[in-house]
Amino acid sequence: MRHAQHTLRAKTTIKGVGLHTGKTIRMDLIPAEAGEGIVFVRSDIRKGDNVIPALWDHVIDTQLCTVIGNDNGAQVGTIEHLMSALRGCGIDNLRIEIDGPEVPILDGSAMPFVERFDEVGTLEQDAPRRSIRVLKEVSVEHDGKRVTLMPSEESEFSGEINFDHDDIGRQTFSTRLINGNFKHDIAQARTFGFLHEVEYMRSRGLALGGSMDNAIVLSPEAVMNPEGLRYNDEFIRHKLLDAIGDLYLAGGVILGAYDGVKAGHMMNNKILHALFADPSNWEYAEDISHVPVSATQAASESVFA
């Protein structure tokens, strides 16, 4: 089946606090031409290159969030929730002009982005969607964590986590990105962190914008947020939200099955490096095999997972 590329129907602006800087950030989301992909532009950087393609080989840090950068030193962090919403809503091309070093955290999930995209609407473009088909199993392991990509004709995401906390424990979840499943199954799941980690990070000048308005915060005994959880298994759903965003840095839709065990941003980037390291691991989907996109263009975990 031929799937067309999409962009937003009109420009829209989102403002919010950065999770780590605590500063107010403005993002202008601007429709882009077919084939341009997702590109961030640091509008506050006046000298040198301020353009950063949202691609796996531009990832420069994965410790607390996914950060992309360019050779000029321009960088943008905490991009995973926005990237996840773009993938979940089928947006292929967008220019994101941002006046600070991180995407606003908003409520800690992807839903505010999804709701804005729904308000603005999307525009179908006269070009086939870039899809990357996984041809054989690829897996990476590190320190008890594992991510595997397997062949599938759909985009499937499965995961497992296991935390020594009564409100988390062992959780598993699986979803397919079809028929609006992202919006119903994944988009509302918020990032989470443990109180002692939050306190430690703030002592180091990090997580300055973090609060129970934009994250699930856990004490040793319980979830501290007065409203409780949005899903009983919100923690694993958020881990898959992150994975969907991180894998959209492939430079196109991945047709394959993702399975992550205790995975995070680092492992998600490692699996893309492993996938593209061997040309026999993947191919462009049949309907876009003529589109000239290169493999590069194709494409410690802690608090605030």
C-alpha atoms as a PDB file:
ATOM      1  CA  MET A   1       0.000   0.000   0.000  1.00  0.00           C
ATOM      2  CA  ARG A   2       1.279   3.451  -0.875  1.00  0.00           C
ATOM      3  CA  HIS A   3       1.299   5.872   2.073  1.00  0.00           C
ATOM      4  CA  ALA A   4       1.755   9.576   1.424  1.00  0.00           C
ATOM      5  CA  GLN A   5       3.922  11.926   3.457  1.00  0.00           C
ATOM      6  CA  HIS A   6       2.236  14.503   5.700  1.00  0.00           C
ATOM      7  CA  THR A   7       3.068  17.819   7.331  1.00  0.00           C
ATOM      8  CA  LEU A   8       1.058  20.198   9.498  1.00  0.00           C
ATOM      9  CA  ARG A   9      -1.640  22.197   7.727  1.00  0.00           C
ATOM     10  CA  ALA A  10      -0.461  25.477   9.280  1.00  0.00           C
ATOM     11  CA  LYS A  11       2.182  26.954  11.566  1.00  0.00           C
ATOM     12  CA  THR A  12       1.540  26.653  15.292  1.00  0.00           C
ATOM     13  CA  THR A  13       3.396  27.799  18.404  1.00  0.00           C
ATOM     14  CA  ILE A  14       3.894  25.905  21.667  1.00  0.00           C
ATOM     15  CA  LYS A  15       5.362  27.470  24.804  1.00  0.00           C
ATOM     16  CA  GLY A  16       6.291  25.736  28.021  1.00  0.00           C
ATOM     17  CA  VAL A  17       8.895  25.127  30.694  1.00  0.00           C
ATOM     18  CA  GLY A  18      12.021  23.079  30.003  1.00  0.00           C
ATOM     19  CA  LEU A  19      12.339  20.090  32.335  1.00  0.00           C
ATOM     20  CA  HIS A  20      16.010  20.599  33.148  1.00  0.00           C
ATOM     21  CA  THR A  21      16.575  24.348  32.654  1.00  0.00           C
ATOM     22  CA  GLY A  22      13.296  25.461  34.215  1.00  0.00           C
ATOM     23  CA  LYS A  23      13.151  28.232  31.600  1.00  0.00           C
ATOM     24  CA  THR A  24      10.229  29.051  29.321  1.00  0.00           C
ATOM     25  CA  ILE A  25      10.825  27.776  25.789  1.00  0.00           C
ATOM     26  CA  ARG A  26       9.015  28.810  22.595  1.00  0.00           C
ATOM     27  CA  MET A  27       8.672  26.412  19.672  1.00  0.00           C
ATOM     28  CA  ASP A  28       7.304  27.364  16.272  1.00  0.00           C
ATOM     29  CA  LEU A  29       6.191  24.267  14.373  1.00  0.00           C
ATOM     30  CA  ILE A  30       6.262  25.129  10.680  1.00  0.00           C
ATOM     31  CA  PRO A  31       5.020  23.017   7.751  1.00  0.00           C
ATOM     32  CA  ALA A  32       7.871  21.636   5.617  1.00  0.00           C
ATOM     33  CA  GLU A  33       8.091  20.399   2.051  1.00  0.00           C
ATOM     34  CA  ALA A  34       7.916  16.706   1.208  1.00  0.00           C
ATOM     35  CA  GLY A  35      11.232  14.966   1.738  1.00  0.00           C
ATOM     36  CA  GLU A  36      12.605  17.493   4.232  1.00  0.00           C
ATOM     37  CA  GLY A  37      11.998  15.288   7.257  1.00  0.00           C
ATOM     38  CA  ILE A  38      11.961  16.561  10.834  1.00  0.00           C
ATOM     39  CA  VAL A  39      14.449  19.379  11.436  1.00  0.00           C
ATOM     40  CA  PHE A  40      15.129  21.464  14.547  1.00  0.00           C
ATOM     41  CA  VAL A  41      16.437  25.029  14.234  1.00  0.00           C
ATOM     42  CA  ARG A  42      17.869  26.845  17.266  1.00  0.00           C
ATOM     43  CA  SER A  43      16.420  30.290  16.597  1.00  0.00           C
ATOM     44  CA  ASP A  44      18.403  31.809  19.493  1.00  0.00           C
ATOM     45  CA  ILE A  45      21.742  30.888  17.892  1.00  0.00           C
ATOM     46  CA  ARG A  46      22.771  33.690  15.538  1.00  0.00           C
ATOM     47  CA  LYS A  47      26.269  32.613  14.525  1.00  0.00           C
ATOM     48  CA  GLY A  48      27.135  29.465  12.618  1.00  0.00           C
ATOM     49  CA  ASP A  49      25.011  26.429  11.855  1.00  0.00           C
ATOM     50  CA  ASN A  50      21.846  26.296  13.961  1.00  0.00           C
ATOM     51  CA  VAL A  51      20.097  23.488  12.039  1.00  0.00           C
ATOM     52  CA  ILE A  52      19.910  19.999  13.583  1.00  0.00           C
ATOM     53  CA  PRO A  53      18.288  17.146  11.629  1.00  0.00           C
ATOM     54  CA  ALA A  54      16.293  14.795  13.842  1.00  0.00           C
ATOM     55  CA  LEU A  55      18.381  11.738  12.953  1.00  0.00           C
ATOM     56  CA  TRP A  56      19.946   8.882  14.891  1.00  0.00           C
ATOM     57  CA  ASP A  57      23.518   9.819  13.961  1.00  0.00           C
ATOM     58  CA  HIS A  58      23.035  13.316  15.411  1.00  0.00           C
ATOM     59  CA  VAL A  59      22.293  11.946  18.904  1.00  0.00           C
ATOM     60  CA  ILE A  60      24.997  13.228  21.266  1.00  0.00           C
ATOM     61  CA  ASP A  61      23.622  12.323  24.711  1.00  0.00           C
ATOM     62  CA  THR A  62      21.149   9.780  26.101  1.00  0.00           C
ATOM     63  CA  GLN A  63      21.786   9.939  29.853  1.00  0.00           C
ATOM     64  CA  LEU A  64      18.664  11.793  31.014  1.00  0.00           C
ATOM     65  CA  CYS A  65      16.867  12.318  27.715  1.00  0.00           C
ATOM     66  CA  THR A  66      17.605  12.162  23.997  1.00  0.00           C
ATOM     67  CA  VAL A  67      19.767  15.076  22.857  1.00  0.00           C
ATOM     68  CA  ILE A  68      20.670  15.820  19.227  1.00  0.00           C
ATOM     69  CA  GLY A  69      23.369  18.224  18.054  1.00  0.00           C
ATOM     70  CA  ASN A  70      25.467  19.406  15.134  1.00  0.00           C
ATOM     71  CA  ASP A  71      29.144  20.128  14.528  1.00  0.00           C
ATOM     72  CA  ASN A  72      28.675  23.788  15.483  1.00  0.00           C
ATOM     73  CA  GLY A  73      27.693  22.824  19.022  1.00  0.00           C
ATOM     74  CA  ALA A  74      23.991  23.576  18.603  1.00  0.00           C
ATOM     75  CA  GLN A  75      21.853  21.041  20.419  1.00  0.00           C
ATOM     76  CA  VAL A  76      18.280  20.311  21.487  1.00  0.00           C
ATOM     77  CA  GLY A  77      17.302  17.900  24.248  1.00  0.00           C
ATOM     78  CA  THR A  78      14.195  16.159  25.586  1.00  0.00           C
ATOM     79  CA  ILE A  79      13.003  15.656  22.012  1.00  0.00           C
ATOM     80  CA  GLU A  80      11.581  12.151  22.532  1.00  0.00           C
ATOM     81  CA  HIS A  81       8.003  13.077  23.515  1.00  0.00           C
ATOM     82  CA  LEU A  82       7.597  15.431  20.556  1.00  0.00           C
ATOM     83  CA  MET A  83       9.181  12.904  18.175  1.00  0.00           C
ATOM     84  CA  SER A  84       6.849  10.227  19.537  1.00  0.00           C
ATOM     85  CA  ALA A  85       3.810  12.426  18.896  1.00  0.00           C
ATOM     86  CA  LEU A  86       5.009  13.159  15.361  1.00  0.00           C
ATOM     87  CA  ARG A  87       5.353   9.428  14.669  1.00  0.00           C
ATOM     88  CA  GLY A  88       2.063   8.589  16.311  1.00  0.00           C
ATOM     89  CA  CYS A  89       0.242  11.241  14.279  1.00  0.00           C
ATOM     90  CA  GLY A  90       1.940  10.360  10.988  1.00  0.00           C
ATOM     91  CA  ILE A  91       3.783  13.663  10.465  1.00  0.00           C
ATOM     92  CA  ASP A  92       6.814  13.187   8.213  1.00  0.00           C
ATOM     93  CA  ASN A  93       8.024  16.728   7.535  1.00  0.00           C
ATOM     94  CA  LEU A  94       8.279  19.634   9.961  1.00  0.00           C
ATOM     95  CA  ARG A  95      10.593  22.550  10.723  1.00  0.00           C
ATOM     96  CA  ILE A  96      10.793  23.170  14.473  1.00  0.00           C
ATOM     97  CA  GLU A  97      12.226  26.575  15.389  1.00  0.00           C
ATOM     98  CA  ILE A  98      13.067  26.589  19.091  1.00  0.00           C
ATOM     99  CA  ASP A  99      14.610  29.372  21.197  1.00  0.00           C
ATOM    100  CA  GLY A 100      16.273  27.198  23.827  1.00  0.00           C
ATOM    101  CA  PRO A 101      18.171  23.950  24.408  1.00  0.00           C
ATOM    102  CA  GLU A 102      15.249  21.633  25.198  1.00  0.00           C
ATOM    103  CA  VAL A 103      11.706  20.899  24.089  1.00  0.00           C
ATOM    104  CA  PRO A 104       9.091  22.037  26.643  1.00  0.00           C
ATOM    105  CA  ILE A 105       8.070  19.201  28.944  1.00  0.00           C
ATOM    106  CA  LEU A 106       4.387  20.309  29.083  1.00  0.00           C
ATOM    107  CA  ASP A 107       2.575  17.607  31.115  1.00  0.00           C
ATOM    108  CA  GLY A 108       5.343  15.005  30.714  1.00  0.00           C
ATOM    109  CA  SER A 109       3.507  13.002  28.043  1.00  0.00           C
ATOM    110  CA  ALA A 110       2.939  13.265  24.293  1.00  0.00           C
ATOM    111  CA  MET A 111      -0.741  14.157  24.551  1.00  0.00           C
ATOM    112  CA  PRO A 112      -0.413  17.980  24.477  1.00  0.00           C
ATOM    113  CA  PHE A 113       1.450  17.685  21.169  1.00  0.00           C
ATOM    114  CA  VAL A 114      -1.123  15.248  19.786  1.00  0.00           C
ATOM    115  CA  GLU A 115      -3.963  17.567  20.764  1.00  0.00           C
ATOM    116  CA  ARG A 116      -2.274  20.514  19.066  1.00  0.00           C
ATOM    117  CA  PHE A 117      -1.695  18.509  15.886  1.00  0.00           C
ATOM    118  CA  ASP A 118      -5.370  17.533  15.920  1.00  0.00           C
ATOM    119  CA  GLU A 119      -6.370  21.206  16.259  1.00  0.00           C
ATOM    120  CA  VAL A 120      -4.123  22.368  13.409  1.00  0.00           C
ATOM    121  CA  GLY A 121      -4.702  19.374  11.144  1.00  0.00           C
ATOM    122  CA  THR A 122      -2.318  17.614   8.786  1.00  0.00           C
ATOM    123  CA  LEU A 123      -1.758  18.031   5.065  1.00  0.00           C
ATOM    124  CA  GLU A 124      -1.201  15.106   2.699  1.00  0.00           C
ATOM    125  CA  GLN A 125       1.758  15.653   0.384  1.00  0.00           C
ATOM    126  CA  ASP A 126       2.386  14.367  -3.119  1.00  0.00           C
ATOM    127  CA  ALA A 127       5.220  12.017  -2.172  1.00  0.00           C
ATOM    128  CA  PRO A 128       5.392   8.484  -0.738  1.00  0.00           C
ATOM    129  CA  ARG A 129       6.261   8.048   2.915  1.00  0.00           C
ATOM    130  CA  ARG A 130       9.795   7.011   3.831  1.00  0.00           C
ATOM    131  CA  SER A 131       9.544   3.550   5.385  1.00  0.00           C
ATOM    132  CA  ILE A 132      12.372   1.310   6.535  1.00  0.00           C
ATOM    133  CA  ARG A 133      11.605  -2.407   6.564  1.00  0.00           C
ATOM    134  CA  VAL A 134      13.510  -4.611   9.024  1.00  0.00           C
ATOM    135  CA  LEU A 135      14.685  -7.710   7.125  1.00  0.00           C
ATOM    136  CA  LYS A 136      16.228  -9.770   9.920  1.00  0.00           C
ATOM    137  CA  GLU A 137      16.500  -9.803  13.683  1.00  0.00           C
ATOM    138  CA  VAL A 138      18.927  -7.274  15.163  1.00  0.00           C
ATOM    139  CA  SER A 139      19.618  -7.108  18.885  1.00  0.00           C
ATOM    140  CA  VAL A 140      21.793  -5.153  21.317  1.00  0.00           C
ATOM    141  CA  GLU A 141      22.461  -5.896  24.974  1.00  0.00           C
ATOM    142  CA  HIS A 142      24.186  -3.929  27.706  1.00  0.00           C
ATOM    143  CA  ASP A 143      24.248  -4.291  31.501  1.00  0.00           C
ATOM    144  CA  GLY A 144      21.100  -6.403  31.701  1.00  0.00           C
ATOM    145  CA  LYS A 145      19.195  -4.287  29.160  1.00  0.00           C
ATOM    146  CA  ARG A 146      18.171  -5.513  25.726  1.00  0.00           C
ATOM    147  CA  VAL A 147      16.497  -4.155  22.604  1.00  0.00           C
ATOM    148  CA  THR A 148      15.580  -6.297  19.592  1.00  0.00           C
ATOM    149  CA  LEU A 149      14.158  -5.363  16.192  1.00  0.00           C
ATOM    150  CA  MET A 150      12.419  -8.105  14.234  1.00  0.00           C
ATOM    151  CA  PRO A 151      10.752  -8.258  10.800  1.00  0.00           C
ATOM    152  CA  SER A 152       7.095  -7.254  10.683  1.00  0.00           C
ATOM    153  CA  GLU A 153       4.821  -5.618   8.123  1.00  0.00           C
ATOM    154  CA  GLU A 154       3.596  -3.213  10.811  1.00  0.00           C
ATOM    155  CA  SER A 155       5.168  -0.954  13.427  1.00  0.00           C
ATOM    156  CA  GLU A 156       4.910  -2.915  16.673  1.00  0.00           C
ATOM    157  CA  PHE A 157       6.282  -1.954  20.081  1.00  0.00           C
ATOM    158  CA  SER A 158       6.586  -4.238  23.109  1.00  0.00           C
ATOM    159  CA  GLY A 159       8.427  -3.686  26.349  1.00  0.00           C
ATOM    160  CA  GLU A 160       9.138  -4.912  29.853  1.00  0.00           C
ATOM    161  CA  ILE A 161      10.383  -3.106  32.943  1.00  0.00           C
ATOM    162  CA  ASN A 162      11.036  -4.285  36.482  1.00  0.00           C
ATOM    163  CA  PHE A 163      11.497  -1.815  39.331  1.00  0.00           C
ATOM    164  CA  ASP A 164      11.819  -2.575  43.021  1.00  0.00           C
ATOM    165  CA  HIS A 165       8.841  -0.403  43.926  1.00  0.00           C
ATOM    166  CA  ASP A 166       5.346  -1.513  44.915  1.00  0.00           C
ATOM    167  CA  ASP A 167       3.640   0.823  42.431  1.00  0.00           C
ATOM    168  CA  ILE A 168       5.742  -0.343  39.477  1.00  0.00           C
ATOM    169  CA  GLY A 169       7.183  -3.844  39.851  1.00  0.00           C
ATOM    170  CA  ARG A 170       7.247  -5.868  36.635  1.00  0.00           C
ATOM    171  CA  GLN A 171       5.153  -4.412  33.814  1.00  0.00           C
ATOM    172  CA  THR A 172       4.758  -5.425  30.163  1.00  0.00           C
ATOM    173  CA  PHE A 173       2.844  -3.834  27.314  1.00  0.00           C
ATOM    174  CA  SER A 174       2.512  -4.160  23.532  1.00  0.00           C
ATOM    175  CA  THR A 175       0.883  -1.996  20.888  1.00  0.00           C
ATOM    176  CA  ARG A 176       0.718  -1.574  17.120  1.00  0.00           C
ATOM    177  CA  LEU A 177       0.760   1.885  15.573  1.00  0.00           C
ATOM    178  CA  ILE A 178      -2.453   1.483  13.603  1.00  0.00           C
ATOM    179  CA  ASN A 179      -6.000   2.860  13.837  1.00  0.00           C
ATOM    180  CA  GLY A 180      -5.155   5.598  16.319  1.00  0.00           C
ATOM    181  CA  ASN A 181      -3.696   3.172  18.860  1.00  0.00           C
ATOM    182  CA  PHE A 182      -0.928   5.636  19.749  1.00  0.00           C
ATOM    183  CA  LYS A 183      -3.388   8.237  20.986  1.00  0.00           C
ATOM    184  CA  HIS A 184      -5.376   5.741  23.065  1.00  0.00           C
ATOM    185  CA  ASP A 185      -2.626   3.398  24.297  1.00  0.00           C
ATOM    186  CA  ILE A 186       0.486   5.539  24.636  1.00  0.00           C
ATOM    187  CA  ALA A 187       0.140   9.314  24.282  1.00  0.00           C
ATOM    188  CA  GLN A 188      -1.105  10.112  27.807  1.00  0.00           C
ATOM    189  CA  ALA A 189       1.619   8.186  29.659  1.00  0.00           C
ATOM    190  CA  ARG A 190       3.852  10.574  31.629  1.00  0.00           C
ATOM    191  CA  THR A 191       7.530  10.517  32.401  1.00  0.00           C
ATOM    192  CA  PHE A 192       8.427   9.414  35.918  1.00  0.00           C
ATOM    193  CA  GLY A 193      11.139   9.755  38.509  1.00  0.00           C
ATOM    194  CA  PHE A 194      11.963   8.930  42.111  1.00  0.00           C
ATOM    195  CA  LEU A 195      11.930  11.636  44.759  1.00  0.00           C
ATOM    196  CA  HIS A 196      15.493  11.020  45.933  1.00  0.00           C
ATOM    197  CA  GLU A 197      16.760  11.290  42.359  1.00  0.00           C
ATOM    198  CA  VAL A 198      14.844  14.510  41.796  1.00  0.00           C
ATOM    199  CA  GLU A 199      16.369  16.028  44.919  1.00  0.00           C
ATOM    200  CA  TYR A 200      19.863  14.944  43.891  1.00  0.00           C
ATOM    201  CA  MET A 201      19.481  16.294  40.357  1.00  0.00           C
ATOM    202  CA  ARG A 202      18.240  19.654  41.591  1.00  0.00           C
ATOM    203  CA  SER A 203      21.315  19.874  43.811  1.00  0.00           C
ATOM    204  CA  ARG A 204      23.316  19.610  40.571  1.00  0.00           C
ATOM    205  CA  GLY A 205      21.264  22.258  38.772  1.00  0.00           C
ATOM    206  CA  LEU A 206      19.151  19.773  36.803  1.00  0.00           C
ATOM    207  CA  ALA A 207      15.414  18.997  36.682  1.00  0.00           C
ATOM    208  CA  LEU A 208      14.757  22.617  37.662  1.00  0.00           C
ATOM    209  CA  GLY A 209      11.456  22.576  35.767  1.00  0.00           C
ATOM    210  CA  GLY A 210      10.322  19.209  37.070  1.00  0.00           C
ATOM    211  CA  SER A 211       7.202  18.960  39.204  1.00  0.00           C
ATOM    212  CA  MET A 212       4.145  16.812  39.729  1.00  0.00           C
ATOM    213  CA  ASP A 213       2.519  18.886  36.983  1.00  0.00           C
ATOM    214  CA  ASN A 214       4.804  17.281  34.400  1.00  0.00           C
ATOM    215  CA  ALA A 215       5.970  13.965  35.846  1.00  0.00           C
ATOM    216  CA  ILE A 216       4.947  11.084  38.054  1.00  0.00           C
ATOM    217  CA  VAL A 217       7.022  11.397  41.223  1.00  0.00           C
ATOM    218  CA  LEU A 218       7.454   8.367  43.470  1.00  0.00           C
ATOM    219  CA  SER A 219       8.433   8.356  47.126  1.00  0.00           C
ATOM    220  CA  PRO A 220       9.778   5.071  48.539  1.00  0.00           C
ATOM    221  CA  GLU A 221       6.217   4.196  49.522  1.00  0.00           C
ATOM    222  CA  ALA A 222       3.897   5.445  46.781  1.00  0.00           C
ATOM    223  CA  VAL A 223       3.015   7.666  43.841  1.00  0.00           C
ATOM    224  CA  MET A 224       3.000  11.212  45.201  1.00  0.00           C
ATOM    225  CA  ASN A 225       0.787  12.819  42.534  1.00  0.00           C
ATOM    226  CA  PRO A 226      -2.625  13.560  44.093  1.00  0.00           C
ATOM    227  CA  GLU A 227      -4.473  12.552  40.907  1.00  0.00           C
ATOM    228  CA  GLY A 228      -2.760   9.163  40.746  1.00  0.00           C
ATOM    229  CA  LEU A 229      -2.003   7.335  37.516  1.00  0.00           C
ATOM    230  CA  ARG A 230      -3.606   7.685  34.093  1.00  0.00           C
ATOM    231  CA  TYR A 231      -3.105   3.974  33.356  1.00  0.00           C
ATOM    232  CA  ASN A 232      -2.444   1.201  35.869  1.00  0.00           C
ATOM    233  CA  ASP A 233       0.685   0.405  33.864  1.00  0.00           C
ATOM    234  CA  GLU A 234       1.581   3.998  32.935  1.00  0.00           C
ATOM    235  CA  PHE A 235       5.290   3.388  33.543  1.00  0.00           C
ATOM    236  CA  ILE A 236       5.858   0.795  30.814  1.00  0.00           C
ATOM    237  CA  ARG A 237       3.578   2.707  28.452  1.00  0.00           C
ATOM    238  CA  HIS A 238       5.793   5.750  28.894  1.00  0.00           C
ATOM    239  CA  LYS A 239       8.886   3.678  28.204  1.00  0.00           C
ATOM    240  CA  LEU A 240       7.286   2.670  24.889  1.00  0.00           C
ATOM    241  CA  LEU A 241       6.339   6.301  24.231  1.00  0.00           C
ATOM    242  CA  ASP A 242      10.037   7.130  24.518  1.00  0.00           C
ATOM    243  CA  ALA A 243      11.000   4.206  22.290  1.00  0.00           C
ATOM    244  CA  ILE A 244       8.572   5.290  19.568  1.00  0.00           C
ATOM    245  CA  GLY A 245      10.095   8.772  19.615  1.00  0.00           C
ATOM    246  CA  ASP A 246      13.678   7.544  19.721  1.00  0.00           C
ATOM    247  CA  LEU A 247      13.147   5.148  16.809  1.00  0.00           C
ATOM    248  CA  TYR A 248      11.560   7.886  14.691  1.00  0.00           C
ATOM    249  CA  LEU A 249      15.101   9.262  14.509  1.00  0.00           C
ATOM    250  CA  ALA A 250      15.682   6.525  11.912  1.00  0.00           C
ATOM    251  CA  GLY A 251      14.642   9.118   9.332  1.00  0.00           C
ATOM    252  CA  GLY A 252      11.417   7.346   8.473  1.00  0.00           C
ATOM    253  CA  VAL A 253       8.788   4.940   9.704  1.00  0.00           C
ATOM    254  CA  ILE A 254      10.269   1.617  10.797  1.00  0.00           C
ATOM    255  CA  LEU A 255       8.286  -1.399   9.634  1.00  0.00           C
ATOM    256  CA  GLY A 256       9.311  -3.925  12.231  1.00  0.00           C
ATOM    257  CA  ALA A 257       8.705  -5.173  15.740  1.00  0.00           C
ATOM    258  CA  TYR A 258      10.547  -3.490  18.616  1.00  0.00           C
ATOM    259  CA  ASP A 259      11.023  -5.354  21.890  1.00  0.00           C
ATOM    260  CA  GLY A 260      12.755  -3.620  24.788  1.00  0.00           C
ATOM    261  CA  VAL A 261      13.675  -5.139  28.143  1.00  0.00           C
ATOM    262  CA  LYS A 262      14.680  -2.552  30.768  1.00  0.00           C
ATOM    263  CA  ALA A 263      15.518  -0.306  27.824  1.00  0.00           C
ATOM    264  CA  GLY A 264      15.952   3.451  27.658  1.00  0.00           C
ATOM    265  CA  HIS A 265      17.266   6.183  25.383  1.00  0.00           C
ATOM    266  CA  MET A 266      20.797   4.786  25.185  1.00  0.00           C
ATOM    267  CA  MET A 267      19.629   1.338  24.116  1.00  0.00           C
ATOM    268  CA  ASN A 268      17.153   2.794  21.632  1.00  0.00           C
ATOM    269  CA  ASN A 269      19.955   4.694  19.908  1.00  0.00           C
ATOM    270  CA  LYS A 270      22.228   1.651  19.995  1.00  0.00           C
ATOM    271  CA  ILE A 271      19.654  -0.445  18.127  1.00  0.00           C
ATOM    272  CA  LEU A 272      19.483   2.118  15.320  1.00  0.00           C
ATOM    273  CA  HIS A 273      23.284   2.102  15.020  1.00  0.00           C
ATOM    274  CA  ALA A 274      23.181  -1.701  14.875  1.00  0.00           C
ATOM    275  CA  LEU A 275      20.357  -1.728  12.313  1.00  0.00           C
ATOM    276  CA  PHE A 276      22.077   0.621   9.884  1.00  0.00           C
ATOM    277  CA  ALA A 277      25.560  -0.872  10.410  1.00  0.00           C
ATOM    278  CA  ASP A 278      24.705  -3.709   8.011  1.00  0.00           C
ATOM    279  CA  PRO A 279      22.818  -2.957   4.768  1.00  0.00           C
ATOM    280  CA  SER A 280      21.429  -6.493   4.788  1.00  0.00           C
ATOM    281  CA  ASN A 281      19.464  -5.673   7.955  1.00  0.00           C
ATOM    282  CA  TRP A 282      16.977  -3.378   6.226  1.00  0.00           C
ATOM    283  CA  GLU A 283      15.522  -2.030   3.018  1.00  0.00           C
ATOM    284  CA  TYR A 284      13.196   0.722   1.940  1.00  0.00           C
ATOM    285  CA  ALA A 285       9.577  -0.337   1.683  1.00  0.00           C
ATOM    286  CA  GLU A 286       8.662  -1.356  -1.867  1.00  0.00           C
ATOM    287  CA  ASP A 287       6.469   1.668  -2.517  1.00  0.00           C
ATOM    288  CA  ILE A 288       9.335   4.110  -1.885  1.00  0.00           C
ATOM    289  CA  SER A 289      12.336   2.197  -3.185  1.00  0.00           C
ATOM    290  CA  HIS A 290      12.990   4.919  -5.770  1.00  0.00           C
ATOM    291  CA  VAL A 291      13.285   7.738  -3.228  1.00  0.00           C
ATOM    292  CA  PRO A 292      16.982   8.767  -2.960  1.00  0.00           C
ATOM    293  CA  VAL A 293      17.546   8.758   0.806  1.00  0.00           C
ATOM    294  CA  SER A 294      20.908   7.670   2.223  1.00  0.00           C
ATOM    295  CA  ALA A 295      21.327   5.282   5.116  1.00  0.00           C
ATOM    296  CA  THR A 296      22.474   8.175   7.278  1.00  0.00           C
ATOM    297  CA  GLN A 297      19.362  10.133   6.417  1.00  0.00           C
ATOM    298  CA  ALA A 298      17.304   7.006   6.978  1.00  0.00           C
ATOM    299  CA  ALA A 299      18.777   6.993   9.634  1.00  0.00           C
ATOM    300  CA  SER A 300      22.968   5.672  32.233  1.00  0.00           C
ATOM    301  CA  GLU A 301      19.134   5.499  32.457  1.00  0.00           C
ATOM    302  CA  SER A 302      17.921   7.318  35.557  1.00  0.00           C
ATOM    303  CA  VAL A 303      15.259   9.771  36.653  1.00  0.00           C
ATOM    304  CA  PHE A 304      12.594  10.960  34.230  1.00  0.00           C
ATOM    305  CA  ALA A 305      12.720   7.747  32.257  1.00  0.00           C
END
